[in-house]
N, C-alpha and C. Protein backbone atom coordinates (compact mmCIF):
# COMPACT_ATOMS: atom_id res chain seq x y z
N MET A 1 -27.45 30.36 -25.31
CA MET A 1 -26.58 30.83 -24.23
C MET A 1 -27.35 30.97 -22.92
N LYS A 2 -28.58 31.52 -23.01
CA LYS A 2 -29.37 31.68 -21.79
C LYS A 2 -29.70 30.33 -21.16
N LYS A 3 -30.00 29.33 -22.03
CA LYS A 3 -30.30 27.99 -21.52
C LYS A 3 -29.07 27.39 -20.83
N LEU A 4 -27.88 27.63 -21.40
CA LEU A 4 -26.66 27.11 -20.81
C LEU A 4 -26.40 27.73 -19.45
N ILE A 5 -26.58 29.05 -19.38
CA ILE A 5 -26.38 29.75 -18.10
C ILE A 5 -27.38 29.26 -17.06
N LEU A 6 -28.64 29.07 -17.49
CA LEU A 6 -29.67 28.59 -16.57
C LEU A 6 -29.36 27.18 -16.08
N THR A 7 -28.87 26.33 -16.99
CA THR A 7 -28.51 24.96 -16.60
C THR A 7 -27.37 24.95 -15.59
N ILE A 8 -26.33 25.74 -15.84
CA ILE A 8 -25.20 25.83 -14.91
C ILE A 8 -25.65 26.33 -13.55
N ALA A 9 -26.51 27.36 -13.56
CA ALA A 9 -27.01 27.91 -12.30
C ALA A 9 -27.82 26.89 -11.52
N THR A 10 -28.64 26.10 -12.25
CA THR A 10 -29.45 25.07 -11.60
C THR A 10 -28.58 24.00 -10.97
N ILE A 11 -27.57 23.50 -11.72
CA ILE A 11 -26.66 22.48 -11.20
C ILE A 11 -25.91 23.00 -9.99
N THR A 12 -25.43 24.24 -10.07
CA THR A 12 -24.70 24.85 -8.94
C THR A 12 -25.58 24.93 -7.71
N SER A 13 -26.84 25.31 -7.90
CA SER A 13 -27.78 25.40 -6.77
C SER A 13 -28.02 24.05 -6.13
N ILE A 14 -28.18 23.00 -6.96
CA ILE A 14 -28.41 21.65 -6.43
C ILE A 14 -27.20 21.17 -5.63
N VAL A 15 -25.97 21.36 -6.16
CA VAL A 15 -24.76 20.94 -5.47
C VAL A 15 -24.61 21.67 -4.14
N CYS A 16 -24.90 22.96 -4.13
CA CYS A 16 -24.79 23.74 -2.89
C CYS A 16 -25.77 23.25 -1.85
N ASN A 17 -27.02 22.94 -2.30
CA ASN A 17 -28.02 22.44 -1.35
C ASN A 17 -27.63 21.08 -0.78
N LEU A 18 -27.09 20.19 -1.65
CA LEU A 18 -26.66 18.89 -1.17
C LEU A 18 -25.51 19.02 -0.19
N SER A 19 -24.57 19.92 -0.47
CA SER A 19 -23.43 20.13 0.42
C SER A 19 -23.88 20.67 1.75
N ALA A 20 -24.87 21.54 1.74
CA ALA A 20 -25.37 22.12 2.99
C ALA A 20 -26.06 21.07 3.85
N GLN A 21 -26.73 20.08 3.18
CA GLN A 21 -27.42 19.04 3.93
C GLN A 21 -26.48 17.95 4.45
N ASP A 22 -25.30 17.84 3.83
CA ASP A 22 -24.35 16.78 4.19
C ASP A 22 -23.42 17.27 5.30
N ASN A 23 -23.95 17.28 6.53
CA ASN A 23 -23.19 17.82 7.65
C ASN A 23 -22.53 16.74 8.50
N THR A 24 -22.81 15.48 8.21
CA THR A 24 -22.28 14.42 9.06
C THR A 24 -20.78 14.25 8.90
N THR A 25 -20.11 13.95 9.99
CA THR A 25 -18.70 13.58 9.96
C THR A 25 -18.49 12.18 10.52
N ASP A 26 -19.55 11.58 11.06
CA ASP A 26 -19.45 10.26 11.66
C ASP A 26 -19.95 9.21 10.67
N PHE A 27 -19.00 8.52 10.03
CA PHE A 27 -19.33 7.51 9.03
C PHE A 27 -19.19 6.09 9.59
N ARG A 28 -19.11 5.94 10.90
CA ARG A 28 -18.79 4.63 11.46
C ARG A 28 -19.86 3.58 11.19
N ASN A 29 -21.10 3.99 11.03
CA ASN A 29 -22.18 3.05 10.75
C ASN A 29 -22.52 2.96 9.26
N LYS A 30 -21.69 3.57 8.42
CA LYS A 30 -21.97 3.60 6.99
C LYS A 30 -21.01 2.68 6.22
N LEU A 31 -21.52 2.07 5.17
CA LEU A 31 -20.69 1.34 4.22
C LEU A 31 -19.97 2.36 3.35
N THR A 32 -18.64 2.33 3.35
CA THR A 32 -17.88 3.32 2.58
C THR A 32 -16.91 2.63 1.62
N PHE A 33 -16.68 3.29 0.51
CA PHE A 33 -15.72 2.86 -0.50
C PHE A 33 -14.72 3.99 -0.68
N GLY A 34 -13.42 3.64 -0.71
CA GLY A 34 -12.40 4.67 -0.80
C GLY A 34 -11.32 4.37 -1.81
N LEU A 35 -10.73 5.43 -2.34
CA LEU A 35 -9.56 5.36 -3.20
C LEU A 35 -8.42 6.09 -2.51
N LYS A 36 -7.18 5.57 -2.64
CA LYS A 36 -6.07 6.20 -1.95
C LYS A 36 -4.78 6.00 -2.71
N ALA A 37 -3.81 6.86 -2.40
CA ALA A 37 -2.49 6.77 -3.02
C ALA A 37 -1.48 7.36 -2.06
N GLY A 38 -0.23 6.89 -2.17
CA GLY A 38 0.81 7.39 -1.28
C GLY A 38 2.14 6.73 -1.56
N LEU A 39 2.95 6.60 -0.49
CA LEU A 39 4.31 6.09 -0.62
C LEU A 39 4.58 4.97 0.37
N ASN A 40 5.40 4.01 -0.05
CA ASN A 40 6.00 3.02 0.84
C ASN A 40 7.44 3.43 1.15
N PHE A 41 7.88 3.15 2.36
CA PHE A 41 9.28 3.26 2.75
C PHE A 41 9.68 1.86 3.18
N SER A 42 10.38 1.14 2.29
CA SER A 42 10.54 -0.31 2.48
C SER A 42 11.99 -0.72 2.62
N ASN A 43 12.17 -1.88 3.22
CA ASN A 43 13.47 -2.51 3.35
C ASN A 43 13.23 -4.01 3.42
N VAL A 44 14.27 -4.78 3.67
CA VAL A 44 14.13 -6.22 3.81
C VAL A 44 14.86 -6.67 5.07
N TYR A 45 14.48 -7.84 5.57
CA TYR A 45 15.15 -8.43 6.73
C TYR A 45 15.14 -9.93 6.57
N ASP A 46 15.98 -10.58 7.36
CA ASP A 46 16.06 -12.04 7.32
C ASP A 46 16.10 -12.53 8.76
N SER A 47 15.02 -13.16 9.20
CA SER A 47 14.94 -13.60 10.58
C SER A 47 15.85 -14.78 10.88
N GLN A 48 16.42 -15.44 9.86
CA GLN A 48 17.26 -16.61 10.08
C GLN A 48 18.74 -16.27 10.15
N GLY A 49 19.06 -14.99 10.09
CA GLY A 49 20.44 -14.57 10.36
C GLY A 49 21.40 -14.68 9.21
N GLU A 50 20.91 -14.81 7.97
CA GLU A 50 21.82 -14.84 6.84
C GLU A 50 22.55 -13.50 6.71
N GLU A 51 23.81 -13.53 6.32
CA GLU A 51 24.57 -12.29 6.17
C GLU A 51 24.04 -11.52 4.97
N PHE A 52 23.42 -10.38 5.25
CA PHE A 52 22.77 -9.62 4.20
C PHE A 52 22.55 -8.20 4.70
N THR A 53 23.03 -7.21 3.98
CA THR A 53 22.87 -5.82 4.39
C THR A 53 22.09 -5.07 3.31
N SER A 54 21.30 -4.10 3.73
CA SER A 54 20.48 -3.35 2.78
C SER A 54 20.11 -2.01 3.37
N ASP A 55 19.68 -1.09 2.50
CA ASP A 55 19.19 0.23 2.88
C ASP A 55 17.76 0.38 2.36
N PRO A 56 16.94 1.20 3.03
CA PRO A 56 15.54 1.36 2.59
C PRO A 56 15.42 2.20 1.33
N LYS A 57 14.27 2.09 0.68
CA LYS A 57 13.95 2.88 -0.50
C LYS A 57 12.47 3.25 -0.51
N PHE A 58 12.14 4.27 -1.29
CA PHE A 58 10.75 4.68 -1.45
C PHE A 58 10.13 4.01 -2.66
N GLY A 59 8.82 3.77 -2.59
CA GLY A 59 8.06 3.23 -3.71
C GLY A 59 6.63 3.74 -3.65
N LEU A 60 5.90 3.57 -4.73
CA LEU A 60 4.53 4.05 -4.82
C LEU A 60 3.55 3.01 -4.27
N ALA A 61 2.42 3.50 -3.79
CA ALA A 61 1.33 2.63 -3.34
C ALA A 61 0.01 3.30 -3.71
N ALA A 62 -0.92 2.52 -4.26
CA ALA A 62 -2.22 3.07 -4.63
C ALA A 62 -3.23 1.94 -4.71
N GLY A 63 -4.49 2.25 -4.37
CA GLY A 63 -5.50 1.22 -4.43
C GLY A 63 -6.85 1.67 -3.93
N ALA A 64 -7.65 0.69 -3.48
CA ALA A 64 -9.02 0.95 -3.07
C ALA A 64 -9.34 0.13 -1.82
N SER A 65 -10.36 0.58 -1.09
CA SER A 65 -10.77 -0.11 0.13
C SER A 65 -12.28 -0.09 0.25
N LEU A 66 -12.82 -1.05 0.99
CA LEU A 66 -14.24 -1.12 1.28
C LEU A 66 -14.40 -1.33 2.78
N SER A 67 -15.03 -0.38 3.45
CA SER A 67 -15.21 -0.45 4.90
C SER A 67 -16.63 -0.93 5.21
N ILE A 68 -16.72 -2.08 5.90
CA ILE A 68 -18.00 -2.71 6.21
C ILE A 68 -18.23 -2.63 7.72
N PRO A 69 -19.21 -1.85 8.18
CA PRO A 69 -19.42 -1.71 9.62
C PRO A 69 -20.04 -2.94 10.26
N ILE A 70 -19.60 -3.21 11.47
CA ILE A 70 -20.25 -4.21 12.33
C ILE A 70 -20.60 -3.45 13.61
N GLY A 71 -21.67 -2.68 13.58
CA GLY A 71 -21.98 -1.78 14.67
C GLY A 71 -21.17 -0.50 14.55
N THR A 72 -21.19 0.30 15.59
CA THR A 72 -20.53 1.60 15.57
C THR A 72 -19.03 1.49 15.73
N TYR A 73 -18.54 0.57 16.56
CA TYR A 73 -17.13 0.57 16.95
C TYR A 73 -16.28 -0.49 16.25
N LEU A 74 -16.89 -1.42 15.55
CA LEU A 74 -16.13 -2.49 14.91
C LEU A 74 -16.47 -2.55 13.42
N GLY A 75 -15.58 -3.17 12.66
CA GLY A 75 -15.83 -3.32 11.24
C GLY A 75 -14.76 -4.17 10.58
N ILE A 76 -14.93 -4.40 9.29
CA ILE A 76 -13.98 -5.14 8.46
C ILE A 76 -13.67 -4.28 7.23
N GLN A 77 -12.41 -4.25 6.85
CA GLN A 77 -12.00 -3.41 5.72
C GLN A 77 -11.07 -4.18 4.78
N PRO A 78 -11.59 -4.84 3.75
CA PRO A 78 -10.72 -5.41 2.73
C PRO A 78 -10.19 -4.32 1.81
N GLU A 79 -8.96 -4.50 1.33
CA GLU A 79 -8.33 -3.53 0.44
C GLU A 79 -7.61 -4.26 -0.69
N ILE A 80 -7.30 -3.53 -1.74
CA ILE A 80 -6.43 -4.05 -2.81
C ILE A 80 -5.55 -2.89 -3.26
N LEU A 81 -4.23 -3.15 -3.32
CA LEU A 81 -3.28 -2.09 -3.62
C LEU A 81 -2.20 -2.58 -4.57
N ILE A 82 -1.75 -1.69 -5.43
CA ILE A 82 -0.50 -1.88 -6.16
C ILE A 82 0.59 -1.27 -5.29
N SER A 83 1.59 -2.05 -4.93
CA SER A 83 2.55 -1.63 -3.90
C SER A 83 3.98 -1.95 -4.32
N GLN A 84 4.81 -0.92 -4.37
CA GLN A 84 6.23 -1.10 -4.70
C GLN A 84 7.05 -1.22 -3.42
N LYS A 85 7.86 -2.27 -3.35
CA LYS A 85 8.74 -2.50 -2.21
C LYS A 85 10.15 -2.72 -2.74
N GLY A 86 11.06 -3.12 -1.86
CA GLY A 86 12.42 -3.39 -2.30
C GLY A 86 13.46 -2.85 -1.35
N PHE A 87 14.68 -2.66 -1.87
CA PHE A 87 15.80 -2.21 -1.04
C PHE A 87 16.91 -1.67 -1.93
N LYS A 88 17.87 -1.03 -1.28
CA LYS A 88 19.07 -0.54 -1.95
C LYS A 88 20.29 -1.05 -1.20
N GLY A 89 21.38 -1.25 -1.91
CA GLY A 89 22.63 -1.66 -1.29
C GLY A 89 23.81 -1.05 -2.04
N LYS A 90 24.97 -1.08 -1.40
CA LYS A 90 26.18 -0.58 -2.06
C LYS A 90 27.38 -1.29 -1.47
N GLY A 91 28.49 -1.28 -2.21
CA GLY A 91 29.70 -1.93 -1.73
C GLY A 91 30.82 -1.78 -2.73
N LYS A 92 31.81 -2.66 -2.64
CA LYS A 92 32.96 -2.64 -3.54
C LYS A 92 33.16 -4.02 -4.13
N ILE A 93 33.52 -4.05 -5.41
CA ILE A 93 33.87 -5.29 -6.07
C ILE A 93 35.08 -5.03 -6.96
N LEU A 94 36.15 -5.79 -6.75
CA LEU A 94 37.42 -5.61 -7.46
C LEU A 94 37.92 -4.17 -7.32
N GLY A 95 37.74 -3.61 -6.11
CA GLY A 95 38.22 -2.26 -5.83
C GLY A 95 37.36 -1.14 -6.36
N SER A 96 36.23 -1.46 -6.99
CA SER A 96 35.35 -0.45 -7.57
C SER A 96 34.04 -0.39 -6.79
N ASN A 97 33.56 0.83 -6.54
CA ASN A 97 32.29 1.01 -5.84
C ASN A 97 31.11 0.65 -6.76
N TYR A 98 30.07 0.08 -6.17
CA TYR A 98 28.87 -0.23 -6.93
C TYR A 98 27.65 0.04 -6.06
N SER A 99 26.50 0.19 -6.71
CA SER A 99 25.22 0.30 -6.01
C SER A 99 24.22 -0.64 -6.67
N PHE A 100 23.28 -1.11 -5.87
CA PHE A 100 22.30 -2.09 -6.33
C PHE A 100 20.93 -1.68 -5.80
N THR A 101 19.94 -1.63 -6.67
CA THR A 101 18.57 -1.29 -6.27
C THR A 101 17.62 -2.35 -6.79
N ARG A 102 16.80 -2.90 -5.91
CA ARG A 102 15.78 -3.87 -6.30
C ARG A 102 14.41 -3.27 -6.00
N THR A 103 13.55 -3.24 -7.01
CA THR A 103 12.16 -2.79 -6.86
C THR A 103 11.25 -3.96 -7.17
N THR A 104 10.40 -4.32 -6.22
CA THR A 104 9.45 -5.42 -6.40
C THR A 104 8.03 -4.85 -6.41
N ASP A 105 7.29 -5.17 -7.46
CA ASP A 105 5.90 -4.71 -7.59
C ASP A 105 4.97 -5.82 -7.15
N TYR A 106 4.13 -5.50 -6.16
CA TYR A 106 3.18 -6.47 -5.60
C TYR A 106 1.75 -5.97 -5.77
N VAL A 107 0.82 -6.91 -5.82
CA VAL A 107 -0.58 -6.64 -5.56
C VAL A 107 -0.85 -7.10 -4.14
N ASP A 108 -1.11 -6.15 -3.25
CA ASP A 108 -1.36 -6.45 -1.84
C ASP A 108 -2.86 -6.53 -1.58
N VAL A 109 -3.28 -7.58 -0.86
CA VAL A 109 -4.70 -7.76 -0.52
C VAL A 109 -4.81 -7.97 0.99
N PRO A 110 -4.90 -6.89 1.77
CA PRO A 110 -5.09 -7.04 3.21
C PRO A 110 -6.56 -7.19 3.58
N LEU A 111 -6.81 -7.94 4.64
CA LEU A 111 -8.13 -8.03 5.24
C LEU A 111 -8.00 -7.47 6.66
N LEU A 112 -8.44 -6.24 6.83
CA LEU A 112 -8.18 -5.50 8.07
C LEU A 112 -9.42 -5.53 8.97
N PHE A 113 -9.17 -5.69 10.26
CA PHE A 113 -10.21 -5.57 11.26
C PHE A 113 -10.15 -4.16 11.85
N LEU A 114 -11.31 -3.53 11.96
CA LEU A 114 -11.40 -2.13 12.37
C LEU A 114 -11.85 -2.00 13.82
N PHE A 115 -11.20 -1.10 14.54
CA PHE A 115 -11.70 -0.63 15.83
C PHE A 115 -11.82 0.88 15.71
N LYS A 116 -13.05 1.39 15.92
CA LYS A 116 -13.35 2.80 15.67
C LYS A 116 -13.75 3.49 16.97
N PRO A 117 -12.77 3.90 17.80
CA PRO A 117 -13.10 4.51 19.09
C PRO A 117 -13.76 5.87 18.96
N SER A 118 -13.53 6.57 17.84
CA SER A 118 -14.19 7.85 17.61
C SER A 118 -14.44 8.01 16.12
N GLU A 119 -15.19 9.03 15.76
CA GLU A 119 -15.49 9.25 14.35
C GLU A 119 -14.28 9.70 13.56
N PHE A 120 -13.22 10.15 14.24
CA PHE A 120 -12.07 10.72 13.55
C PHE A 120 -10.88 9.77 13.43
N ILE A 121 -10.92 8.62 14.09
CA ILE A 121 -9.79 7.71 14.01
C ILE A 121 -10.27 6.26 13.96
N SER A 122 -9.59 5.47 13.14
CA SER A 122 -9.85 4.03 13.05
C SER A 122 -8.52 3.30 13.21
N ILE A 123 -8.49 2.30 14.07
CA ILE A 123 -7.31 1.46 14.26
C ILE A 123 -7.52 0.18 13.47
N VAL A 124 -6.52 -0.20 12.66
CA VAL A 124 -6.69 -1.32 11.74
C VAL A 124 -5.55 -2.32 11.93
N ALA A 125 -5.84 -3.59 11.75
CA ALA A 125 -4.81 -4.64 11.80
C ALA A 125 -5.39 -5.91 11.19
N GLY A 126 -4.50 -6.70 10.55
CA GLY A 126 -4.97 -7.95 10.00
C GLY A 126 -3.97 -8.59 9.06
N PRO A 127 -4.31 -9.76 8.53
CA PRO A 127 -3.44 -10.48 7.60
C PRO A 127 -3.49 -9.89 6.20
N GLN A 128 -2.48 -10.21 5.43
CA GLN A 128 -2.40 -9.74 4.05
C GLN A 128 -1.73 -10.81 3.19
N VAL A 129 -2.20 -10.95 1.97
CA VAL A 129 -1.53 -11.78 0.97
C VAL A 129 -1.00 -10.85 -0.12
N SER A 130 0.29 -11.00 -0.46
CA SER A 130 0.93 -10.18 -1.48
C SER A 130 1.32 -11.06 -2.66
N PHE A 131 0.95 -10.61 -3.86
CA PHE A 131 1.22 -11.35 -5.10
C PHE A 131 2.30 -10.61 -5.88
N LEU A 132 3.46 -11.22 -6.04
CA LEU A 132 4.57 -10.62 -6.77
C LEU A 132 4.29 -10.66 -8.27
N VAL A 133 4.37 -9.50 -8.93
CA VAL A 133 4.10 -9.45 -10.37
C VAL A 133 5.32 -9.03 -11.18
N ARG A 134 6.24 -8.29 -10.57
CA ARG A 134 7.41 -7.85 -11.35
C ARG A 134 8.55 -7.48 -10.40
N GLN A 135 9.77 -7.72 -10.85
CA GLN A 135 10.96 -7.33 -10.09
C GLN A 135 11.95 -6.65 -11.04
N THR A 136 12.46 -5.51 -10.63
CA THR A 136 13.45 -4.78 -11.43
C THR A 136 14.71 -4.61 -10.61
N ASP A 137 15.84 -5.08 -11.12
CA ASP A 137 17.15 -4.93 -10.47
C ASP A 137 18.02 -3.99 -11.31
N VAL A 138 18.62 -3.02 -10.64
CA VAL A 138 19.53 -2.09 -11.31
C VAL A 138 20.88 -2.14 -10.60
N PHE A 139 21.92 -2.52 -11.34
CA PHE A 139 23.30 -2.59 -10.83
C PHE A 139 24.10 -1.49 -11.51
N GLN A 140 24.77 -0.65 -10.71
CA GLN A 140 25.54 0.47 -11.25
C GLN A 140 26.94 0.47 -10.66
N ASN A 141 27.93 0.74 -11.51
CA ASN A 141 29.27 1.04 -11.02
C ASN A 141 29.76 2.29 -11.73
N ALA A 142 31.02 2.56 -11.66
CA ALA A 142 31.55 3.82 -12.20
C ALA A 142 31.39 3.93 -13.71
N THR A 143 31.30 2.81 -14.40
CA THR A 143 31.29 2.87 -15.86
C THR A 143 30.04 2.31 -16.52
N THR A 144 29.30 1.44 -15.84
CA THR A 144 28.17 0.78 -16.48
C THR A 144 26.93 0.79 -15.59
N THR A 145 25.79 0.62 -16.25
CA THR A 145 24.51 0.42 -15.57
C THR A 145 23.81 -0.76 -16.22
N ILE A 146 23.45 -1.73 -15.41
CA ILE A 146 22.77 -2.93 -15.90
C ILE A 146 21.40 -3.00 -15.25
N GLU A 147 20.36 -3.11 -16.07
CA GLU A 147 19.00 -3.22 -15.56
C GLU A 147 18.38 -4.52 -16.04
N GLN A 148 17.78 -5.25 -15.12
CA GLN A 148 17.15 -6.52 -15.43
C GLN A 148 15.75 -6.53 -14.86
N GLU A 149 14.79 -6.95 -15.68
CA GLU A 149 13.40 -7.01 -15.24
C GLU A 149 12.87 -8.42 -15.41
N LYS A 150 12.16 -8.90 -14.38
CA LYS A 150 11.59 -10.24 -14.40
C LYS A 150 10.10 -10.16 -14.12
N GLU A 151 9.37 -11.11 -14.72
CA GLU A 151 7.95 -11.23 -14.43
C GLU A 151 7.60 -12.55 -13.77
N PHE A 152 8.57 -13.39 -13.50
CA PHE A 152 8.42 -14.58 -12.66
C PHE A 152 7.38 -15.58 -13.17
N GLN A 153 7.55 -16.02 -14.39
CA GLN A 153 6.67 -17.06 -14.90
C GLN A 153 7.19 -18.45 -14.53
N ASN A 154 8.51 -18.64 -14.52
CA ASN A 154 9.08 -19.95 -14.24
C ASN A 154 10.12 -19.93 -13.12
N ASP A 155 10.33 -18.78 -12.51
CA ASP A 155 11.32 -18.66 -11.45
C ASP A 155 10.77 -19.28 -10.17
N ASN A 156 11.67 -19.78 -9.33
CA ASN A 156 11.25 -20.40 -8.08
C ASN A 156 11.01 -19.39 -6.96
N VAL A 157 11.21 -18.11 -7.21
CA VAL A 157 10.93 -17.09 -6.20
C VAL A 157 9.47 -17.20 -5.77
N ARG A 158 9.23 -17.06 -4.47
CA ARG A 158 7.86 -17.16 -3.97
C ARG A 158 7.03 -16.00 -4.53
N LYS A 159 5.91 -16.31 -5.13
CA LYS A 159 5.08 -15.29 -5.76
C LYS A 159 3.89 -14.88 -4.90
N ASN A 160 3.50 -15.72 -3.95
CA ASN A 160 2.40 -15.41 -3.04
C ASN A 160 2.93 -15.43 -1.62
N VAL A 161 2.93 -14.28 -0.96
CA VAL A 161 3.56 -14.16 0.36
C VAL A 161 2.51 -13.77 1.39
N PHE A 162 2.50 -14.48 2.51
CA PHE A 162 1.62 -14.14 3.63
C PHE A 162 2.28 -13.08 4.50
N CYS A 163 1.54 -12.03 4.83
CA CYS A 163 2.09 -10.88 5.57
C CYS A 163 1.14 -10.50 6.71
N PHE A 164 1.58 -9.53 7.50
CA PHE A 164 0.74 -8.92 8.53
C PHE A 164 0.92 -7.42 8.46
N THR A 165 -0.17 -6.68 8.62
CA THR A 165 -0.09 -5.22 8.56
C THR A 165 -1.03 -4.60 9.58
N GLY A 166 -0.70 -3.40 10.02
CA GLY A 166 -1.52 -2.69 10.99
C GLY A 166 -1.21 -1.20 10.97
N GLY A 167 -2.10 -0.42 11.56
CA GLY A 167 -1.88 1.03 11.60
C GLY A 167 -3.14 1.74 11.98
N PHE A 168 -3.35 2.93 11.42
CA PHE A 168 -4.53 3.72 11.75
C PHE A 168 -4.89 4.64 10.59
N ASP A 169 -6.16 5.08 10.59
CA ASP A 169 -6.66 6.06 9.64
C ASP A 169 -7.17 7.27 10.42
N ILE A 170 -6.87 8.46 9.93
CA ILE A 170 -7.44 9.69 10.45
C ILE A 170 -8.52 10.13 9.46
N ASN A 171 -9.75 10.23 9.96
CA ASN A 171 -10.91 10.48 9.10
C ASN A 171 -11.34 11.94 9.20
N LEU A 172 -11.20 12.67 8.10
CA LEU A 172 -11.59 14.08 8.03
C LEU A 172 -12.73 14.20 7.02
N LYS A 173 -13.91 13.76 7.44
CA LYS A 173 -15.09 13.68 6.57
C LYS A 173 -14.77 12.76 5.39
N HIS A 174 -14.65 13.29 4.17
CA HIS A 174 -14.38 12.43 3.02
C HIS A 174 -12.89 12.14 2.84
N ILE A 175 -12.03 12.90 3.46
CA ILE A 175 -10.59 12.71 3.33
C ILE A 175 -10.10 11.76 4.42
N VAL A 176 -9.26 10.80 4.02
CA VAL A 176 -8.71 9.82 4.96
C VAL A 176 -7.19 9.81 4.84
N LEU A 177 -6.51 10.05 5.97
CA LEU A 177 -5.05 9.97 6.04
C LEU A 177 -4.69 8.65 6.70
N GLY A 178 -3.93 7.82 5.99
CA GLY A 178 -3.63 6.48 6.50
C GLY A 178 -2.16 6.27 6.77
N ALA A 179 -1.86 5.50 7.82
CA ALA A 179 -0.49 5.11 8.16
C ALA A 179 -0.50 3.62 8.47
N ARG A 180 0.45 2.89 7.86
CA ARG A 180 0.54 1.45 8.03
C ARG A 180 1.98 1.02 8.24
N ALA A 181 2.14 -0.10 8.92
CA ALA A 181 3.41 -0.82 8.95
C ALA A 181 3.10 -2.27 8.63
N GLY A 182 3.98 -2.92 7.85
CA GLY A 182 3.73 -4.30 7.48
C GLY A 182 5.01 -5.08 7.32
N TRP A 183 4.91 -6.39 7.43
CA TRP A 183 6.09 -7.24 7.25
C TRP A 183 5.65 -8.62 6.79
N ASP A 184 6.52 -9.21 5.96
CA ASP A 184 6.28 -10.56 5.46
C ASP A 184 6.47 -11.58 6.57
N MET A 185 5.68 -12.63 6.52
CA MET A 185 5.84 -13.74 7.45
C MET A 185 6.54 -14.93 6.79
N GLN A 186 6.82 -14.83 5.49
CA GLN A 186 7.47 -15.91 4.74
C GLN A 186 8.66 -15.35 3.97
N ASN A 187 9.69 -16.18 3.79
CA ASN A 187 10.82 -15.79 2.96
C ASN A 187 10.41 -15.70 1.50
N ASN A 188 11.18 -14.96 0.73
CA ASN A 188 10.87 -14.73 -0.68
C ASN A 188 11.28 -15.89 -1.59
N ASN A 189 12.14 -16.81 -1.13
CA ASN A 189 12.78 -17.74 -2.07
C ASN A 189 12.11 -19.11 -2.13
N GLY A 190 10.81 -19.14 -2.06
CA GLY A 190 10.06 -20.37 -2.32
C GLY A 190 10.46 -21.51 -1.40
N ASP A 191 10.85 -22.65 -1.99
CA ASP A 191 11.23 -23.81 -1.18
C ASP A 191 12.70 -23.78 -0.77
N GLY A 192 13.37 -22.63 -1.03
CA GLY A 192 14.75 -22.47 -0.59
C GLY A 192 15.78 -22.80 -1.64
N THR A 193 15.36 -23.26 -2.83
CA THR A 193 16.34 -23.64 -3.84
C THR A 193 16.69 -22.50 -4.79
N SER A 194 15.96 -21.39 -4.73
CA SER A 194 16.24 -20.27 -5.62
C SER A 194 17.57 -19.63 -5.24
N SER A 195 18.27 -19.12 -6.26
CA SER A 195 19.57 -18.47 -6.02
C SER A 195 19.44 -17.02 -5.58
N THR A 196 18.22 -16.48 -5.59
CA THR A 196 18.04 -15.09 -5.16
C THR A 196 18.31 -14.96 -3.67
N PRO A 197 18.77 -13.78 -3.19
CA PRO A 197 19.00 -13.62 -1.74
C PRO A 197 17.73 -13.89 -0.95
N ARG A 198 17.89 -14.55 0.18
CA ARG A 198 16.76 -14.89 1.04
C ARG A 198 16.44 -13.71 1.94
N TYR A 199 15.19 -13.24 1.90
CA TYR A 199 14.81 -12.12 2.76
C TYR A 199 13.30 -12.06 2.91
N LYS A 200 12.85 -11.16 3.78
CA LYS A 200 11.44 -10.82 3.93
C LYS A 200 11.31 -9.30 3.82
N ASN A 201 10.20 -8.84 3.25
CA ASN A 201 9.95 -7.41 3.13
C ASN A 201 9.42 -6.84 4.43
N VAL A 202 9.79 -5.60 4.72
CA VAL A 202 9.19 -4.81 5.79
C VAL A 202 8.99 -3.42 5.24
N TRP A 203 7.87 -2.78 5.57
CA TRP A 203 7.58 -1.48 4.98
C TRP A 203 6.70 -0.63 5.89
N TYR A 204 6.84 0.69 5.69
CA TYR A 204 5.98 1.69 6.30
C TYR A 204 5.26 2.41 5.17
N GLN A 205 3.98 2.70 5.36
CA GLN A 205 3.18 3.25 4.27
C GLN A 205 2.36 4.44 4.75
N GLY A 206 2.38 5.51 3.97
CA GLY A 206 1.54 6.67 4.23
C GLY A 206 0.71 6.98 3.00
N THR A 207 -0.60 7.19 3.19
CA THR A 207 -1.49 7.44 2.05
C THR A 207 -2.46 8.56 2.38
N ILE A 208 -3.01 9.16 1.33
CA ILE A 208 -4.14 10.07 1.45
C ILE A 208 -5.23 9.56 0.52
N GLY A 209 -6.47 9.58 1.00
CA GLY A 209 -7.54 9.00 0.21
C GLY A 209 -8.82 9.81 0.28
N TYR A 210 -9.75 9.39 -0.55
CA TYR A 210 -11.09 10.00 -0.57
C TYR A 210 -12.10 8.87 -0.50
N ARG A 211 -13.12 9.02 0.37
CA ARG A 211 -14.09 7.96 0.53
C ARG A 211 -15.50 8.42 0.16
N PHE A 212 -16.24 7.46 -0.38
CA PHE A 212 -17.64 7.66 -0.73
C PHE A 212 -18.47 6.80 0.21
N TYR A 213 -19.67 7.21 0.55
CA TYR A 213 -20.45 6.43 1.51
C TYR A 213 -21.87 6.23 1.02
N SER A 214 -22.46 5.14 1.53
CA SER A 214 -23.84 4.83 1.21
C SER A 214 -24.77 5.77 1.97
N THR A 215 -25.80 6.25 1.30
CA THR A 215 -26.76 7.15 1.94
C THR A 215 -27.85 6.38 2.70
N LYS A 216 -27.83 5.06 2.61
CA LYS A 216 -28.85 4.26 3.30
C LYS A 216 -28.49 4.06 4.74
């Protein structure tokens, strides 16, 4: 028991000393790795004017990032995220009200360029490639609920979508609060022959993360 107490006391002392020495808040010149999670607020749009109405929905977002400094004020930040997007709709069919919800699960890979005007804020923008891995459609009316899930092995729906995203990070030492907006630059329906509705995703994203940094 005495050895256990002594070990705990020693570890506590070491952690306290390290915390006291770690006074920096300016990580702009450091290589950092971060984990984050949050929410998407997504919808869809069609720049070609097809008749299509939708409402936004919430989805989960989580992933990791690597911030590579190029001097104090510039840098590059590749990320990888699991990101839920989609939309909701409602209407009437044969005099009966119905609702429709589509959830699309993507792996998002943005390559962000960083501008770091101060130690507390980073402005980010850059291209992104999104890989569609799953789609869930839920159709509901007064009497029935139909759920359909696809993994897109042979469907003509576009599975790799080029996007653009931008926003900012608020840096509070190890804690990072992130805000992003993004939109697809390509339609979802491949070469146009798919029967799925033609649209592009648009989303707003808020995350909270924790970052680790190199001591070198």
